[in-house]
N, C-alpha and C. Protein backbone atom coordinates (compact mmCIF):
# COMPACT_ATOMS: atom_id res chain seq x y z
N UNK A 1 -39.01 29.64 -16.50
CA UNK A 1 -39.89 29.05 -15.52
C UNK A 1 -41.32 29.55 -15.71
N UNK A 2 -41.48 30.83 -16.08
CA UNK A 2 -42.81 31.37 -16.30
C UNK A 2 -43.49 30.70 -17.48
N UNK A 3 -42.71 30.41 -18.52
CA UNK A 3 -43.26 29.77 -19.71
C UNK A 3 -43.73 28.36 -19.37
N UNK A 4 -42.95 27.64 -18.57
CA UNK A 4 -43.33 26.29 -18.16
C UNK A 4 -44.61 26.31 -17.32
N UNK A 5 -44.73 27.32 -16.47
CA UNK A 5 -45.94 27.45 -15.66
C UNK A 5 -47.16 27.73 -16.54
N UNK A 6 -47.03 28.62 -17.52
CA UNK A 6 -48.14 28.93 -18.42
C UNK A 6 -48.54 27.72 -19.26
N UNK A 7 -47.54 26.97 -19.73
CA UNK A 7 -47.83 25.77 -20.52
C UNK A 7 -48.53 24.72 -19.67
N UNK A 8 -48.09 24.53 -18.45
CA UNK A 8 -48.72 23.53 -17.59
C UNK A 8 -50.14 23.93 -17.21
N UNK A 9 -50.39 25.20 -16.97
CA UNK A 9 -51.75 25.66 -16.67
C UNK A 9 -52.64 25.50 -17.90
N UNK A 10 -52.10 25.79 -19.07
CA UNK A 10 -52.87 25.62 -20.31
C UNK A 10 -53.28 24.17 -20.50
N UNK A 11 -52.35 23.25 -20.34
CA UNK A 11 -52.68 21.84 -20.52
C UNK A 11 -53.58 21.31 -19.43
N UNK A 12 -53.46 21.83 -18.22
CA UNK A 12 -54.38 21.44 -17.15
C UNK A 12 -55.80 21.91 -17.47
N UNK A 13 -55.94 23.14 -17.92
CA UNK A 13 -57.26 23.64 -18.30
C UNK A 13 -57.83 22.86 -19.48
N UNK A 14 -57.00 22.52 -20.44
CA UNK A 14 -57.46 21.75 -21.59
C UNK A 14 -57.85 20.34 -21.17
N UNK A 15 -57.13 19.75 -20.23
CA UNK A 15 -57.49 18.43 -19.72
C UNK A 15 -58.83 18.46 -19.01
N UNK A 16 -59.07 19.49 -18.23
CA UNK A 16 -60.37 19.64 -17.57
C UNK A 16 -61.47 19.81 -18.61
N UNK A 17 -61.18 20.53 -19.67
CA UNK A 17 -62.13 20.72 -20.77
C UNK A 17 -62.46 19.39 -21.45
N UNK A 18 -61.45 18.57 -21.68
CA UNK A 18 -61.67 17.25 -22.29
C UNK A 18 -62.50 16.37 -21.37
N UNK A 19 -62.23 16.41 -20.08
CA UNK A 19 -63.03 15.62 -19.13
C UNK A 19 -64.48 16.06 -19.17
N UNK A 20 -64.72 17.37 -19.24
CA UNK A 20 -66.10 17.86 -19.34
C UNK A 20 -66.79 17.36 -20.60
N UNK A 21 -66.08 17.39 -21.71
CA UNK A 21 -66.67 16.96 -22.98
C UNK A 21 -67.07 15.49 -22.91
N UNK A 22 -66.16 14.65 -22.43
CA UNK A 22 -66.47 13.22 -22.37
C UNK A 22 -67.50 12.90 -21.30
N UNK A 23 -67.49 13.64 -20.21
CA UNK A 23 -68.49 13.42 -19.15
C UNK A 23 -69.89 13.76 -19.66
N UNK A 24 -70.04 14.88 -20.35
CA UNK A 24 -71.35 15.27 -20.86
C UNK A 24 -71.77 14.44 -22.06
N UNK A 25 -70.83 13.82 -22.74
CA UNK A 25 -71.17 12.93 -23.85
C UNK A 25 -71.83 11.66 -23.33
N UNK A 26 -71.34 11.15 -22.22
CA UNK A 26 -71.85 9.88 -21.71
C UNK A 26 -73.02 10.04 -20.74
N UNK A 27 -73.32 11.24 -20.30
CA UNK A 27 -74.49 11.46 -19.45
C UNK A 27 -75.71 11.57 -20.36
N UNK A 28 -76.69 10.73 -20.11
CA UNK A 28 -77.88 10.76 -20.97
C UNK A 28 -79.06 11.41 -20.25
N UNK A 29 -78.78 12.23 -19.26
CA UNK A 29 -79.84 12.92 -18.54
C UNK A 29 -80.11 14.26 -19.22
N UNK A 30 -81.05 15.01 -18.68
CA UNK A 30 -81.46 16.27 -19.29
C UNK A 30 -80.66 17.47 -18.78
N UNK A 31 -79.54 17.23 -18.20
CA UNK A 31 -78.72 18.33 -17.72
C UNK A 31 -77.26 18.01 -17.99
N UNK A 32 -76.43 19.00 -17.86
CA UNK A 32 -75.01 18.81 -18.05
C UNK A 32 -74.24 19.25 -16.82
N UNK A 33 -73.17 18.55 -16.55
CA UNK A 33 -72.26 18.92 -15.48
C UNK A 33 -71.06 19.54 -16.17
N UNK A 34 -70.88 20.82 -16.00
CA UNK A 34 -69.88 21.58 -16.74
C UNK A 34 -68.70 21.91 -15.84
N UNK A 35 -67.75 20.98 -15.78
CA UNK A 35 -66.60 21.11 -14.89
C UNK A 35 -65.69 22.25 -15.33
N UNK A 36 -65.48 22.38 -16.62
CA UNK A 36 -64.61 23.45 -17.10
C UNK A 36 -65.24 24.81 -16.85
N UNK A 37 -66.53 24.91 -17.03
CA UNK A 37 -67.24 26.15 -16.74
C UNK A 37 -67.09 26.51 -15.26
N UNK A 38 -67.23 25.53 -14.39
CA UNK A 38 -67.07 25.78 -12.96
C UNK A 38 -65.64 26.19 -12.63
N UNK A 39 -64.67 25.61 -13.34
CA UNK A 39 -63.28 26.01 -13.15
C UNK A 39 -63.07 27.47 -13.55
N UNK A 40 -63.66 27.85 -14.68
CA UNK A 40 -63.55 29.25 -15.11
C UNK A 40 -64.20 30.18 -14.09
N UNK A 41 -65.33 29.78 -13.53
CA UNK A 41 -65.97 30.62 -12.52
C UNK A 41 -65.14 30.72 -11.25
N UNK A 42 -64.55 29.61 -10.82
CA UNK A 42 -63.68 29.67 -9.65
C UNK A 42 -62.47 30.57 -9.89
N UNK A 43 -61.93 30.51 -11.09
CA UNK A 43 -60.81 31.39 -11.42
C UNK A 43 -61.26 32.85 -11.37
N UNK A 44 -62.43 33.13 -11.94
CA UNK A 44 -62.87 34.53 -11.99
C UNK A 44 -63.29 35.06 -10.63
N UNK A 45 -63.83 34.22 -9.79
CA UNK A 45 -64.34 34.68 -8.49
C UNK A 45 -63.23 34.74 -7.44
N UNK A 46 -62.38 33.72 -7.39
CA UNK A 46 -61.41 33.64 -6.29
C UNK A 46 -59.95 33.77 -6.70
N UNK A 47 -59.58 33.22 -7.83
CA UNK A 47 -58.17 33.10 -8.17
C UNK A 47 -57.77 33.92 -9.39
N UNK A 48 -58.45 35.00 -9.67
CA UNK A 48 -58.16 35.74 -10.89
C UNK A 48 -56.78 36.38 -10.84
N UNK A 49 -56.06 36.20 -11.93
CA UNK A 49 -54.75 36.80 -12.12
C UNK A 49 -54.61 37.10 -13.60
N UNK A 50 -53.98 38.21 -13.93
CA UNK A 50 -53.83 38.57 -15.34
C UNK A 50 -52.96 37.58 -16.10
N UNK A 51 -52.12 36.85 -15.40
CA UNK A 51 -51.29 35.84 -16.05
C UNK A 51 -52.10 34.63 -16.50
N UNK A 52 -53.33 34.49 -16.05
CA UNK A 52 -54.16 33.35 -16.45
C UNK A 52 -54.92 33.59 -17.75
N UNK A 53 -54.88 34.80 -18.27
CA UNK A 53 -55.62 35.11 -19.50
C UNK A 53 -55.04 34.34 -20.69
N UNK A 54 -53.74 34.28 -20.80
CA UNK A 54 -53.11 33.55 -21.91
C UNK A 54 -53.40 32.05 -21.85
N UNK A 55 -53.28 31.36 -20.70
CA UNK A 55 -53.65 29.95 -20.68
C UNK A 55 -55.12 29.70 -21.00
N UNK A 56 -56.01 30.59 -20.56
CA UNK A 56 -57.43 30.42 -20.88
C UNK A 56 -57.64 30.60 -22.38
N UNK A 57 -56.98 31.59 -22.96
CA UNK A 57 -57.08 31.81 -24.40
C UNK A 57 -56.54 30.61 -25.17
N UNK A 58 -55.39 30.09 -24.77
CA UNK A 58 -54.80 28.96 -25.48
C UNK A 58 -55.62 27.69 -25.32
N UNK A 59 -56.22 27.48 -24.15
CA UNK A 59 -57.09 26.31 -24.00
C UNK A 59 -58.33 26.45 -24.87
N UNK A 60 -58.81 27.67 -25.07
CA UNK A 60 -59.92 27.90 -25.99
C UNK A 60 -59.53 27.63 -27.43
N UNK A 61 -58.32 28.00 -27.80
CA UNK A 61 -57.83 27.72 -29.16
C UNK A 61 -57.69 26.21 -29.36
N UNK A 62 -57.18 25.51 -28.35
CA UNK A 62 -57.09 24.05 -28.45
C UNK A 62 -58.48 23.42 -28.55
N UNK A 63 -59.43 23.94 -27.79
CA UNK A 63 -60.79 23.42 -27.88
C UNK A 63 -61.37 23.66 -29.28
N UNK A 64 -61.16 24.86 -29.81
CA UNK A 64 -61.63 25.16 -31.16
C UNK A 64 -60.95 24.27 -32.19
N UNK A 65 -59.70 23.96 -32.00
CA UNK A 65 -58.96 23.16 -32.96
C UNK A 65 -59.45 21.72 -33.01
N UNK A 66 -59.73 21.15 -31.85
CA UNK A 66 -60.03 19.72 -31.79
C UNK A 66 -61.51 19.38 -31.71
N UNK A 67 -62.34 20.22 -31.09
CA UNK A 67 -63.71 19.81 -30.79
C UNK A 67 -64.79 20.71 -31.35
N UNK A 68 -64.44 21.81 -31.96
CA UNK A 68 -65.45 22.76 -32.38
C UNK A 68 -65.53 22.83 -33.90
N UNK A 69 -66.73 23.11 -34.38
CA UNK A 69 -66.91 23.33 -35.81
C UNK A 69 -67.14 24.81 -36.10
N UNK A 70 -67.04 25.65 -35.09
CA UNK A 70 -67.23 27.07 -35.25
C UNK A 70 -65.92 27.74 -35.66
N UNK A 71 -65.94 29.04 -35.78
CA UNK A 71 -64.76 29.79 -36.16
C UNK A 71 -63.68 29.69 -35.09
N UNK A 72 -62.45 29.74 -35.54
CA UNK A 72 -61.31 29.67 -34.64
C UNK A 72 -61.30 30.91 -33.74
N UNK A 73 -61.29 30.69 -32.47
CA UNK A 73 -61.26 31.79 -31.52
C UNK A 73 -62.59 32.08 -30.87
N UNK A 74 -63.67 31.42 -31.30
CA UNK A 74 -64.99 31.68 -30.71
C UNK A 74 -65.00 31.26 -29.24
N UNK A 75 -64.56 30.06 -28.96
CA UNK A 75 -64.58 29.59 -27.58
C UNK A 75 -63.51 30.29 -26.73
N UNK A 76 -62.43 30.70 -27.34
CA UNK A 76 -61.44 31.49 -26.59
C UNK A 76 -62.06 32.78 -26.09
N UNK A 77 -62.80 33.44 -26.96
CA UNK A 77 -63.45 34.69 -26.54
C UNK A 77 -64.56 34.43 -25.53
N UNK A 78 -65.27 33.33 -25.67
CA UNK A 78 -66.31 32.99 -24.70
C UNK A 78 -65.70 32.71 -23.34
N UNK A 79 -64.61 31.94 -23.30
CA UNK A 79 -63.96 31.61 -22.03
C UNK A 79 -63.42 32.86 -21.35
N UNK A 80 -62.78 33.75 -22.10
CA UNK A 80 -62.24 34.98 -21.52
C UNK A 80 -63.38 35.91 -21.08
N UNK A 81 -64.45 35.97 -21.85
CA UNK A 81 -65.59 36.80 -21.49
C UNK A 81 -66.22 36.33 -20.18
N UNK A 82 -66.31 35.02 -19.98
CA UNK A 82 -66.85 34.48 -18.73
C UNK A 82 -65.99 34.90 -17.55
N UNK A 83 -64.69 34.79 -17.69
CA UNK A 83 -63.79 35.16 -16.60
C UNK A 83 -63.87 36.66 -16.31
N UNK A 84 -63.94 37.47 -17.35
CA UNK A 84 -64.00 38.93 -17.16
C UNK A 84 -65.32 39.33 -16.50
N UNK A 85 -66.43 38.80 -16.98
CA UNK A 85 -67.73 39.16 -16.41
C UNK A 85 -67.84 38.68 -14.97
N UNK A 86 -67.39 37.46 -14.70
CA UNK A 86 -67.43 36.95 -13.33
C UNK A 86 -66.59 37.78 -12.39
N UNK A 87 -65.40 38.14 -12.81
CA UNK A 87 -64.52 38.95 -11.97
C UNK A 87 -65.08 40.35 -11.78
N UNK A 88 -65.63 40.94 -12.82
CA UNK A 88 -66.21 42.28 -12.71
C UNK A 88 -67.39 42.30 -11.74
N UNK A 89 -68.28 41.33 -11.85
CA UNK A 89 -69.45 41.31 -10.98
C UNK A 89 -69.09 41.04 -9.53
N UNK A 90 -68.10 40.18 -9.30
CA UNK A 90 -67.68 39.91 -7.92
C UNK A 90 -67.00 41.12 -7.32
N UNK A 91 -66.20 41.83 -8.12
CA UNK A 91 -65.52 43.01 -7.58
C UNK A 91 -66.47 44.19 -7.39
N UNK A 92 -67.55 44.25 -8.17
CA UNK A 92 -68.49 45.36 -8.07
C UNK A 92 -69.49 45.15 -6.93
N UNK A 93 -69.93 43.92 -6.74
CA UNK A 93 -70.93 43.62 -5.72
C UNK A 93 -70.30 42.76 -4.62
N UNK A 94 -71.02 42.63 -3.53
CA UNK A 94 -70.51 41.83 -2.43
C UNK A 94 -70.56 40.35 -2.77
N UNK A 95 -69.74 39.58 -2.09
CA UNK A 95 -69.71 38.14 -2.32
C UNK A 95 -70.81 37.49 -1.48
N UNK A 96 -71.86 37.08 -2.16
CA UNK A 96 -72.95 36.39 -1.49
C UNK A 96 -73.48 35.32 -2.43
N UNK A 97 -74.31 34.44 -1.90
CA UNK A 97 -74.84 33.35 -2.71
C UNK A 97 -75.74 33.85 -3.84
N UNK A 98 -76.45 34.93 -3.61
CA UNK A 98 -77.32 35.48 -4.65
C UNK A 98 -76.48 36.04 -5.80
N UNK A 99 -75.40 36.71 -5.48
CA UNK A 99 -74.50 37.23 -6.52
C UNK A 99 -73.85 36.07 -7.27
N UNK A 100 -73.43 35.03 -6.54
CA UNK A 100 -72.84 33.87 -7.21
C UNK A 100 -73.85 33.20 -8.14
N UNK A 101 -75.11 33.11 -7.71
CA UNK A 101 -76.14 32.51 -8.56
C UNK A 101 -76.38 33.37 -9.81
N UNK A 102 -76.38 34.69 -9.63
CA UNK A 102 -76.57 35.58 -10.78
C UNK A 102 -75.39 35.48 -11.75
N UNK A 103 -74.18 35.43 -11.20
CA UNK A 103 -72.99 35.30 -12.04
C UNK A 103 -73.02 33.98 -12.80
N UNK A 104 -73.35 32.91 -12.09
CA UNK A 104 -73.41 31.61 -12.74
C UNK A 104 -74.48 31.58 -13.83
N UNK A 105 -75.63 32.17 -13.57
CA UNK A 105 -76.71 32.19 -14.57
C UNK A 105 -76.33 32.97 -15.82
N UNK A 106 -75.75 34.14 -15.63
CA UNK A 106 -75.36 34.98 -16.77
C UNK A 106 -74.23 34.32 -17.56
N UNK A 107 -73.22 33.88 -16.84
CA UNK A 107 -72.06 33.28 -17.52
C UNK A 107 -72.41 31.95 -18.18
N UNK A 108 -73.33 31.19 -17.58
CA UNK A 108 -73.72 29.92 -18.19
C UNK A 108 -74.50 30.15 -19.48
N UNK A 109 -75.28 31.21 -19.51
CA UNK A 109 -75.99 31.56 -20.74
C UNK A 109 -74.99 31.92 -21.84
N UNK A 110 -73.93 32.61 -21.49
CA UNK A 110 -72.88 32.91 -22.46
C UNK A 110 -72.15 31.64 -22.88
N UNK A 111 -71.91 30.75 -21.92
CA UNK A 111 -71.16 29.52 -22.17
C UNK A 111 -71.87 28.59 -23.16
N UNK A 112 -73.19 28.52 -23.07
CA UNK A 112 -73.93 27.62 -23.97
C UNK A 112 -74.57 28.35 -25.14
N UNK A 113 -74.24 29.61 -25.32
CA UNK A 113 -74.87 30.39 -26.39
C UNK A 113 -74.67 29.80 -27.79
N UNK A 114 -73.52 29.21 -28.15
CA UNK A 114 -73.45 28.62 -29.50
C UNK A 114 -74.44 27.48 -29.72
N UNK A 115 -74.79 26.78 -28.65
CA UNK A 115 -75.73 25.67 -28.78
C UNK A 115 -77.18 26.14 -28.81
N UNK A 116 -77.46 27.26 -28.17
CA UNK A 116 -78.83 27.78 -28.15
C UNK A 116 -79.27 28.17 -29.55
N UNK A 117 -78.36 28.74 -30.30
CA UNK A 117 -78.72 29.19 -31.65
C UNK A 117 -78.93 28.03 -32.62
N UNK A 118 -78.38 26.86 -32.29
CA UNK A 118 -78.50 25.71 -33.18
C UNK A 118 -79.79 24.94 -32.92
N UNK A 119 -80.17 24.78 -31.66
CA UNK A 119 -81.31 23.95 -31.29
C UNK A 119 -82.52 24.81 -30.94
N UNK A 120 -83.61 24.14 -30.67
CA UNK A 120 -84.87 24.78 -30.30
C UNK A 120 -84.75 25.44 -28.93
N UNK A 121 -85.30 26.62 -28.79
CA UNK A 121 -85.18 27.39 -27.54
C UNK A 121 -85.92 26.71 -26.39
N UNK A 122 -87.03 26.05 -26.65
CA UNK A 122 -87.76 25.37 -25.57
C UNK A 122 -86.96 24.23 -24.98
N UNK A 123 -86.26 23.50 -25.83
CA UNK A 123 -85.41 22.41 -25.35
C UNK A 123 -84.31 22.95 -24.45
N UNK A 124 -83.68 24.04 -24.86
CA UNK A 124 -82.56 24.57 -24.10
C UNK A 124 -83.00 25.33 -22.86
N UNK A 125 -84.22 25.87 -22.85
CA UNK A 125 -84.69 26.58 -21.67
C UNK A 125 -84.86 25.63 -20.49
N UNK A 126 -85.46 24.47 -20.73
CA UNK A 126 -85.62 23.51 -19.63
C UNK A 126 -84.27 22.93 -19.21
N UNK A 127 -83.41 22.66 -20.17
CA UNK A 127 -82.09 22.14 -19.85
C UNK A 127 -81.24 23.21 -19.15
N UNK A 128 -81.40 24.45 -19.56
CA UNK A 128 -80.66 25.55 -18.95
C UNK A 128 -81.01 25.70 -17.47
N UNK A 129 -82.28 25.72 -17.16
CA UNK A 129 -82.70 25.93 -15.77
C UNK A 129 -82.22 24.79 -14.87
N UNK A 130 -82.35 23.56 -15.34
CA UNK A 130 -81.90 22.42 -14.55
C UNK A 130 -80.38 22.43 -14.39
N UNK A 131 -79.67 22.76 -15.45
CA UNK A 131 -78.21 22.80 -15.39
C UNK A 131 -77.70 23.92 -14.49
N UNK A 132 -78.38 25.06 -14.49
CA UNK A 132 -77.97 26.16 -13.61
C UNK A 132 -78.08 25.75 -12.15
N UNK A 133 -79.15 25.10 -11.79
CA UNK A 133 -79.33 24.68 -10.39
C UNK A 133 -78.30 23.64 -9.99
N UNK A 134 -78.08 22.65 -10.82
CA UNK A 134 -77.11 21.59 -10.50
C UNK A 134 -75.69 22.14 -10.47
N UNK A 135 -75.35 22.97 -11.44
CA UNK A 135 -74.00 23.54 -11.45
C UNK A 135 -73.79 24.55 -10.33
N UNK A 136 -74.84 25.23 -9.90
CA UNK A 136 -74.70 26.14 -8.76
C UNK A 136 -74.40 25.35 -7.48
N UNK A 137 -75.07 24.23 -7.31
CA UNK A 137 -74.80 23.39 -6.13
C UNK A 137 -73.36 22.87 -6.18
N UNK A 138 -72.93 22.42 -7.35
CA UNK A 138 -71.55 21.94 -7.50
C UNK A 138 -70.55 23.08 -7.28
N UNK A 139 -70.87 24.28 -7.76
CA UNK A 139 -70.00 25.43 -7.58
C UNK A 139 -69.85 25.78 -6.10
N UNK A 140 -70.94 25.77 -5.37
CA UNK A 140 -70.87 26.09 -3.94
C UNK A 140 -70.09 25.03 -3.17
N UNK A 141 -70.23 23.77 -3.56
CA UNK A 141 -69.45 22.71 -2.92
C UNK A 141 -67.96 22.90 -3.20
N UNK A 142 -67.62 23.17 -4.46
CA UNK A 142 -66.22 23.41 -4.81
C UNK A 142 -65.67 24.65 -4.11
N UNK A 143 -66.48 25.67 -3.99
CA UNK A 143 -66.06 26.89 -3.33
C UNK A 143 -65.76 26.62 -1.85
N UNK A 144 -66.59 25.81 -1.22
CA UNK A 144 -66.35 25.46 0.18
C UNK A 144 -65.09 24.60 0.33
N UNK A 145 -64.88 23.70 -0.60
CA UNK A 145 -63.69 22.85 -0.52
C UNK A 145 -62.43 23.69 -0.64
N UNK A 146 -62.43 24.64 -1.58
CA UNK A 146 -61.22 25.46 -1.77
C UNK A 146 -61.06 26.51 -0.69
N UNK A 147 -62.11 26.83 0.03
CA UNK A 147 -61.96 27.84 1.09
C UNK A 147 -61.63 27.26 2.46
N UNK A 148 -61.63 25.93 2.57
CA UNK A 148 -61.27 25.32 3.85
C UNK A 148 -59.79 25.53 4.13
N UNK A 149 -59.51 25.97 5.31
CA UNK A 149 -58.13 26.16 5.74
C UNK A 149 -57.73 24.97 6.59
N UNK A 150 -56.72 24.29 6.14
CA UNK A 150 -56.28 23.09 6.86
C UNK A 150 -55.11 23.43 7.72
């Protein structure tokens, strides 16, 4: 039963990753909506469990296999690093909007780091700032939705 749960979480995370890829492919604006990144942040801030490390790693391997031209395991390490940094900062500091914004800014810089090295820094700086603001608003909305007690 544990194996089935890990496999289903892995495929759910990979499906969210595919949705993010296709969503950002068809958006022709100057920002990106990073659903998988927001999922990783929600996991690291609210739902962190050591059993989720393997599904995150495997979804990164699947992403590297199908969508990446970088070395195998690069995105797996990036995804795990985002979860670890987010969880560490939330556990070290109090949970507030300023801390969430700092976590999102730092982790988003790590998340898009392979693209920063490929393209011009001025292009990515403007896109980075706009994407951080939009993704922070989406993160706070998602956080409120998951914290509602029905």
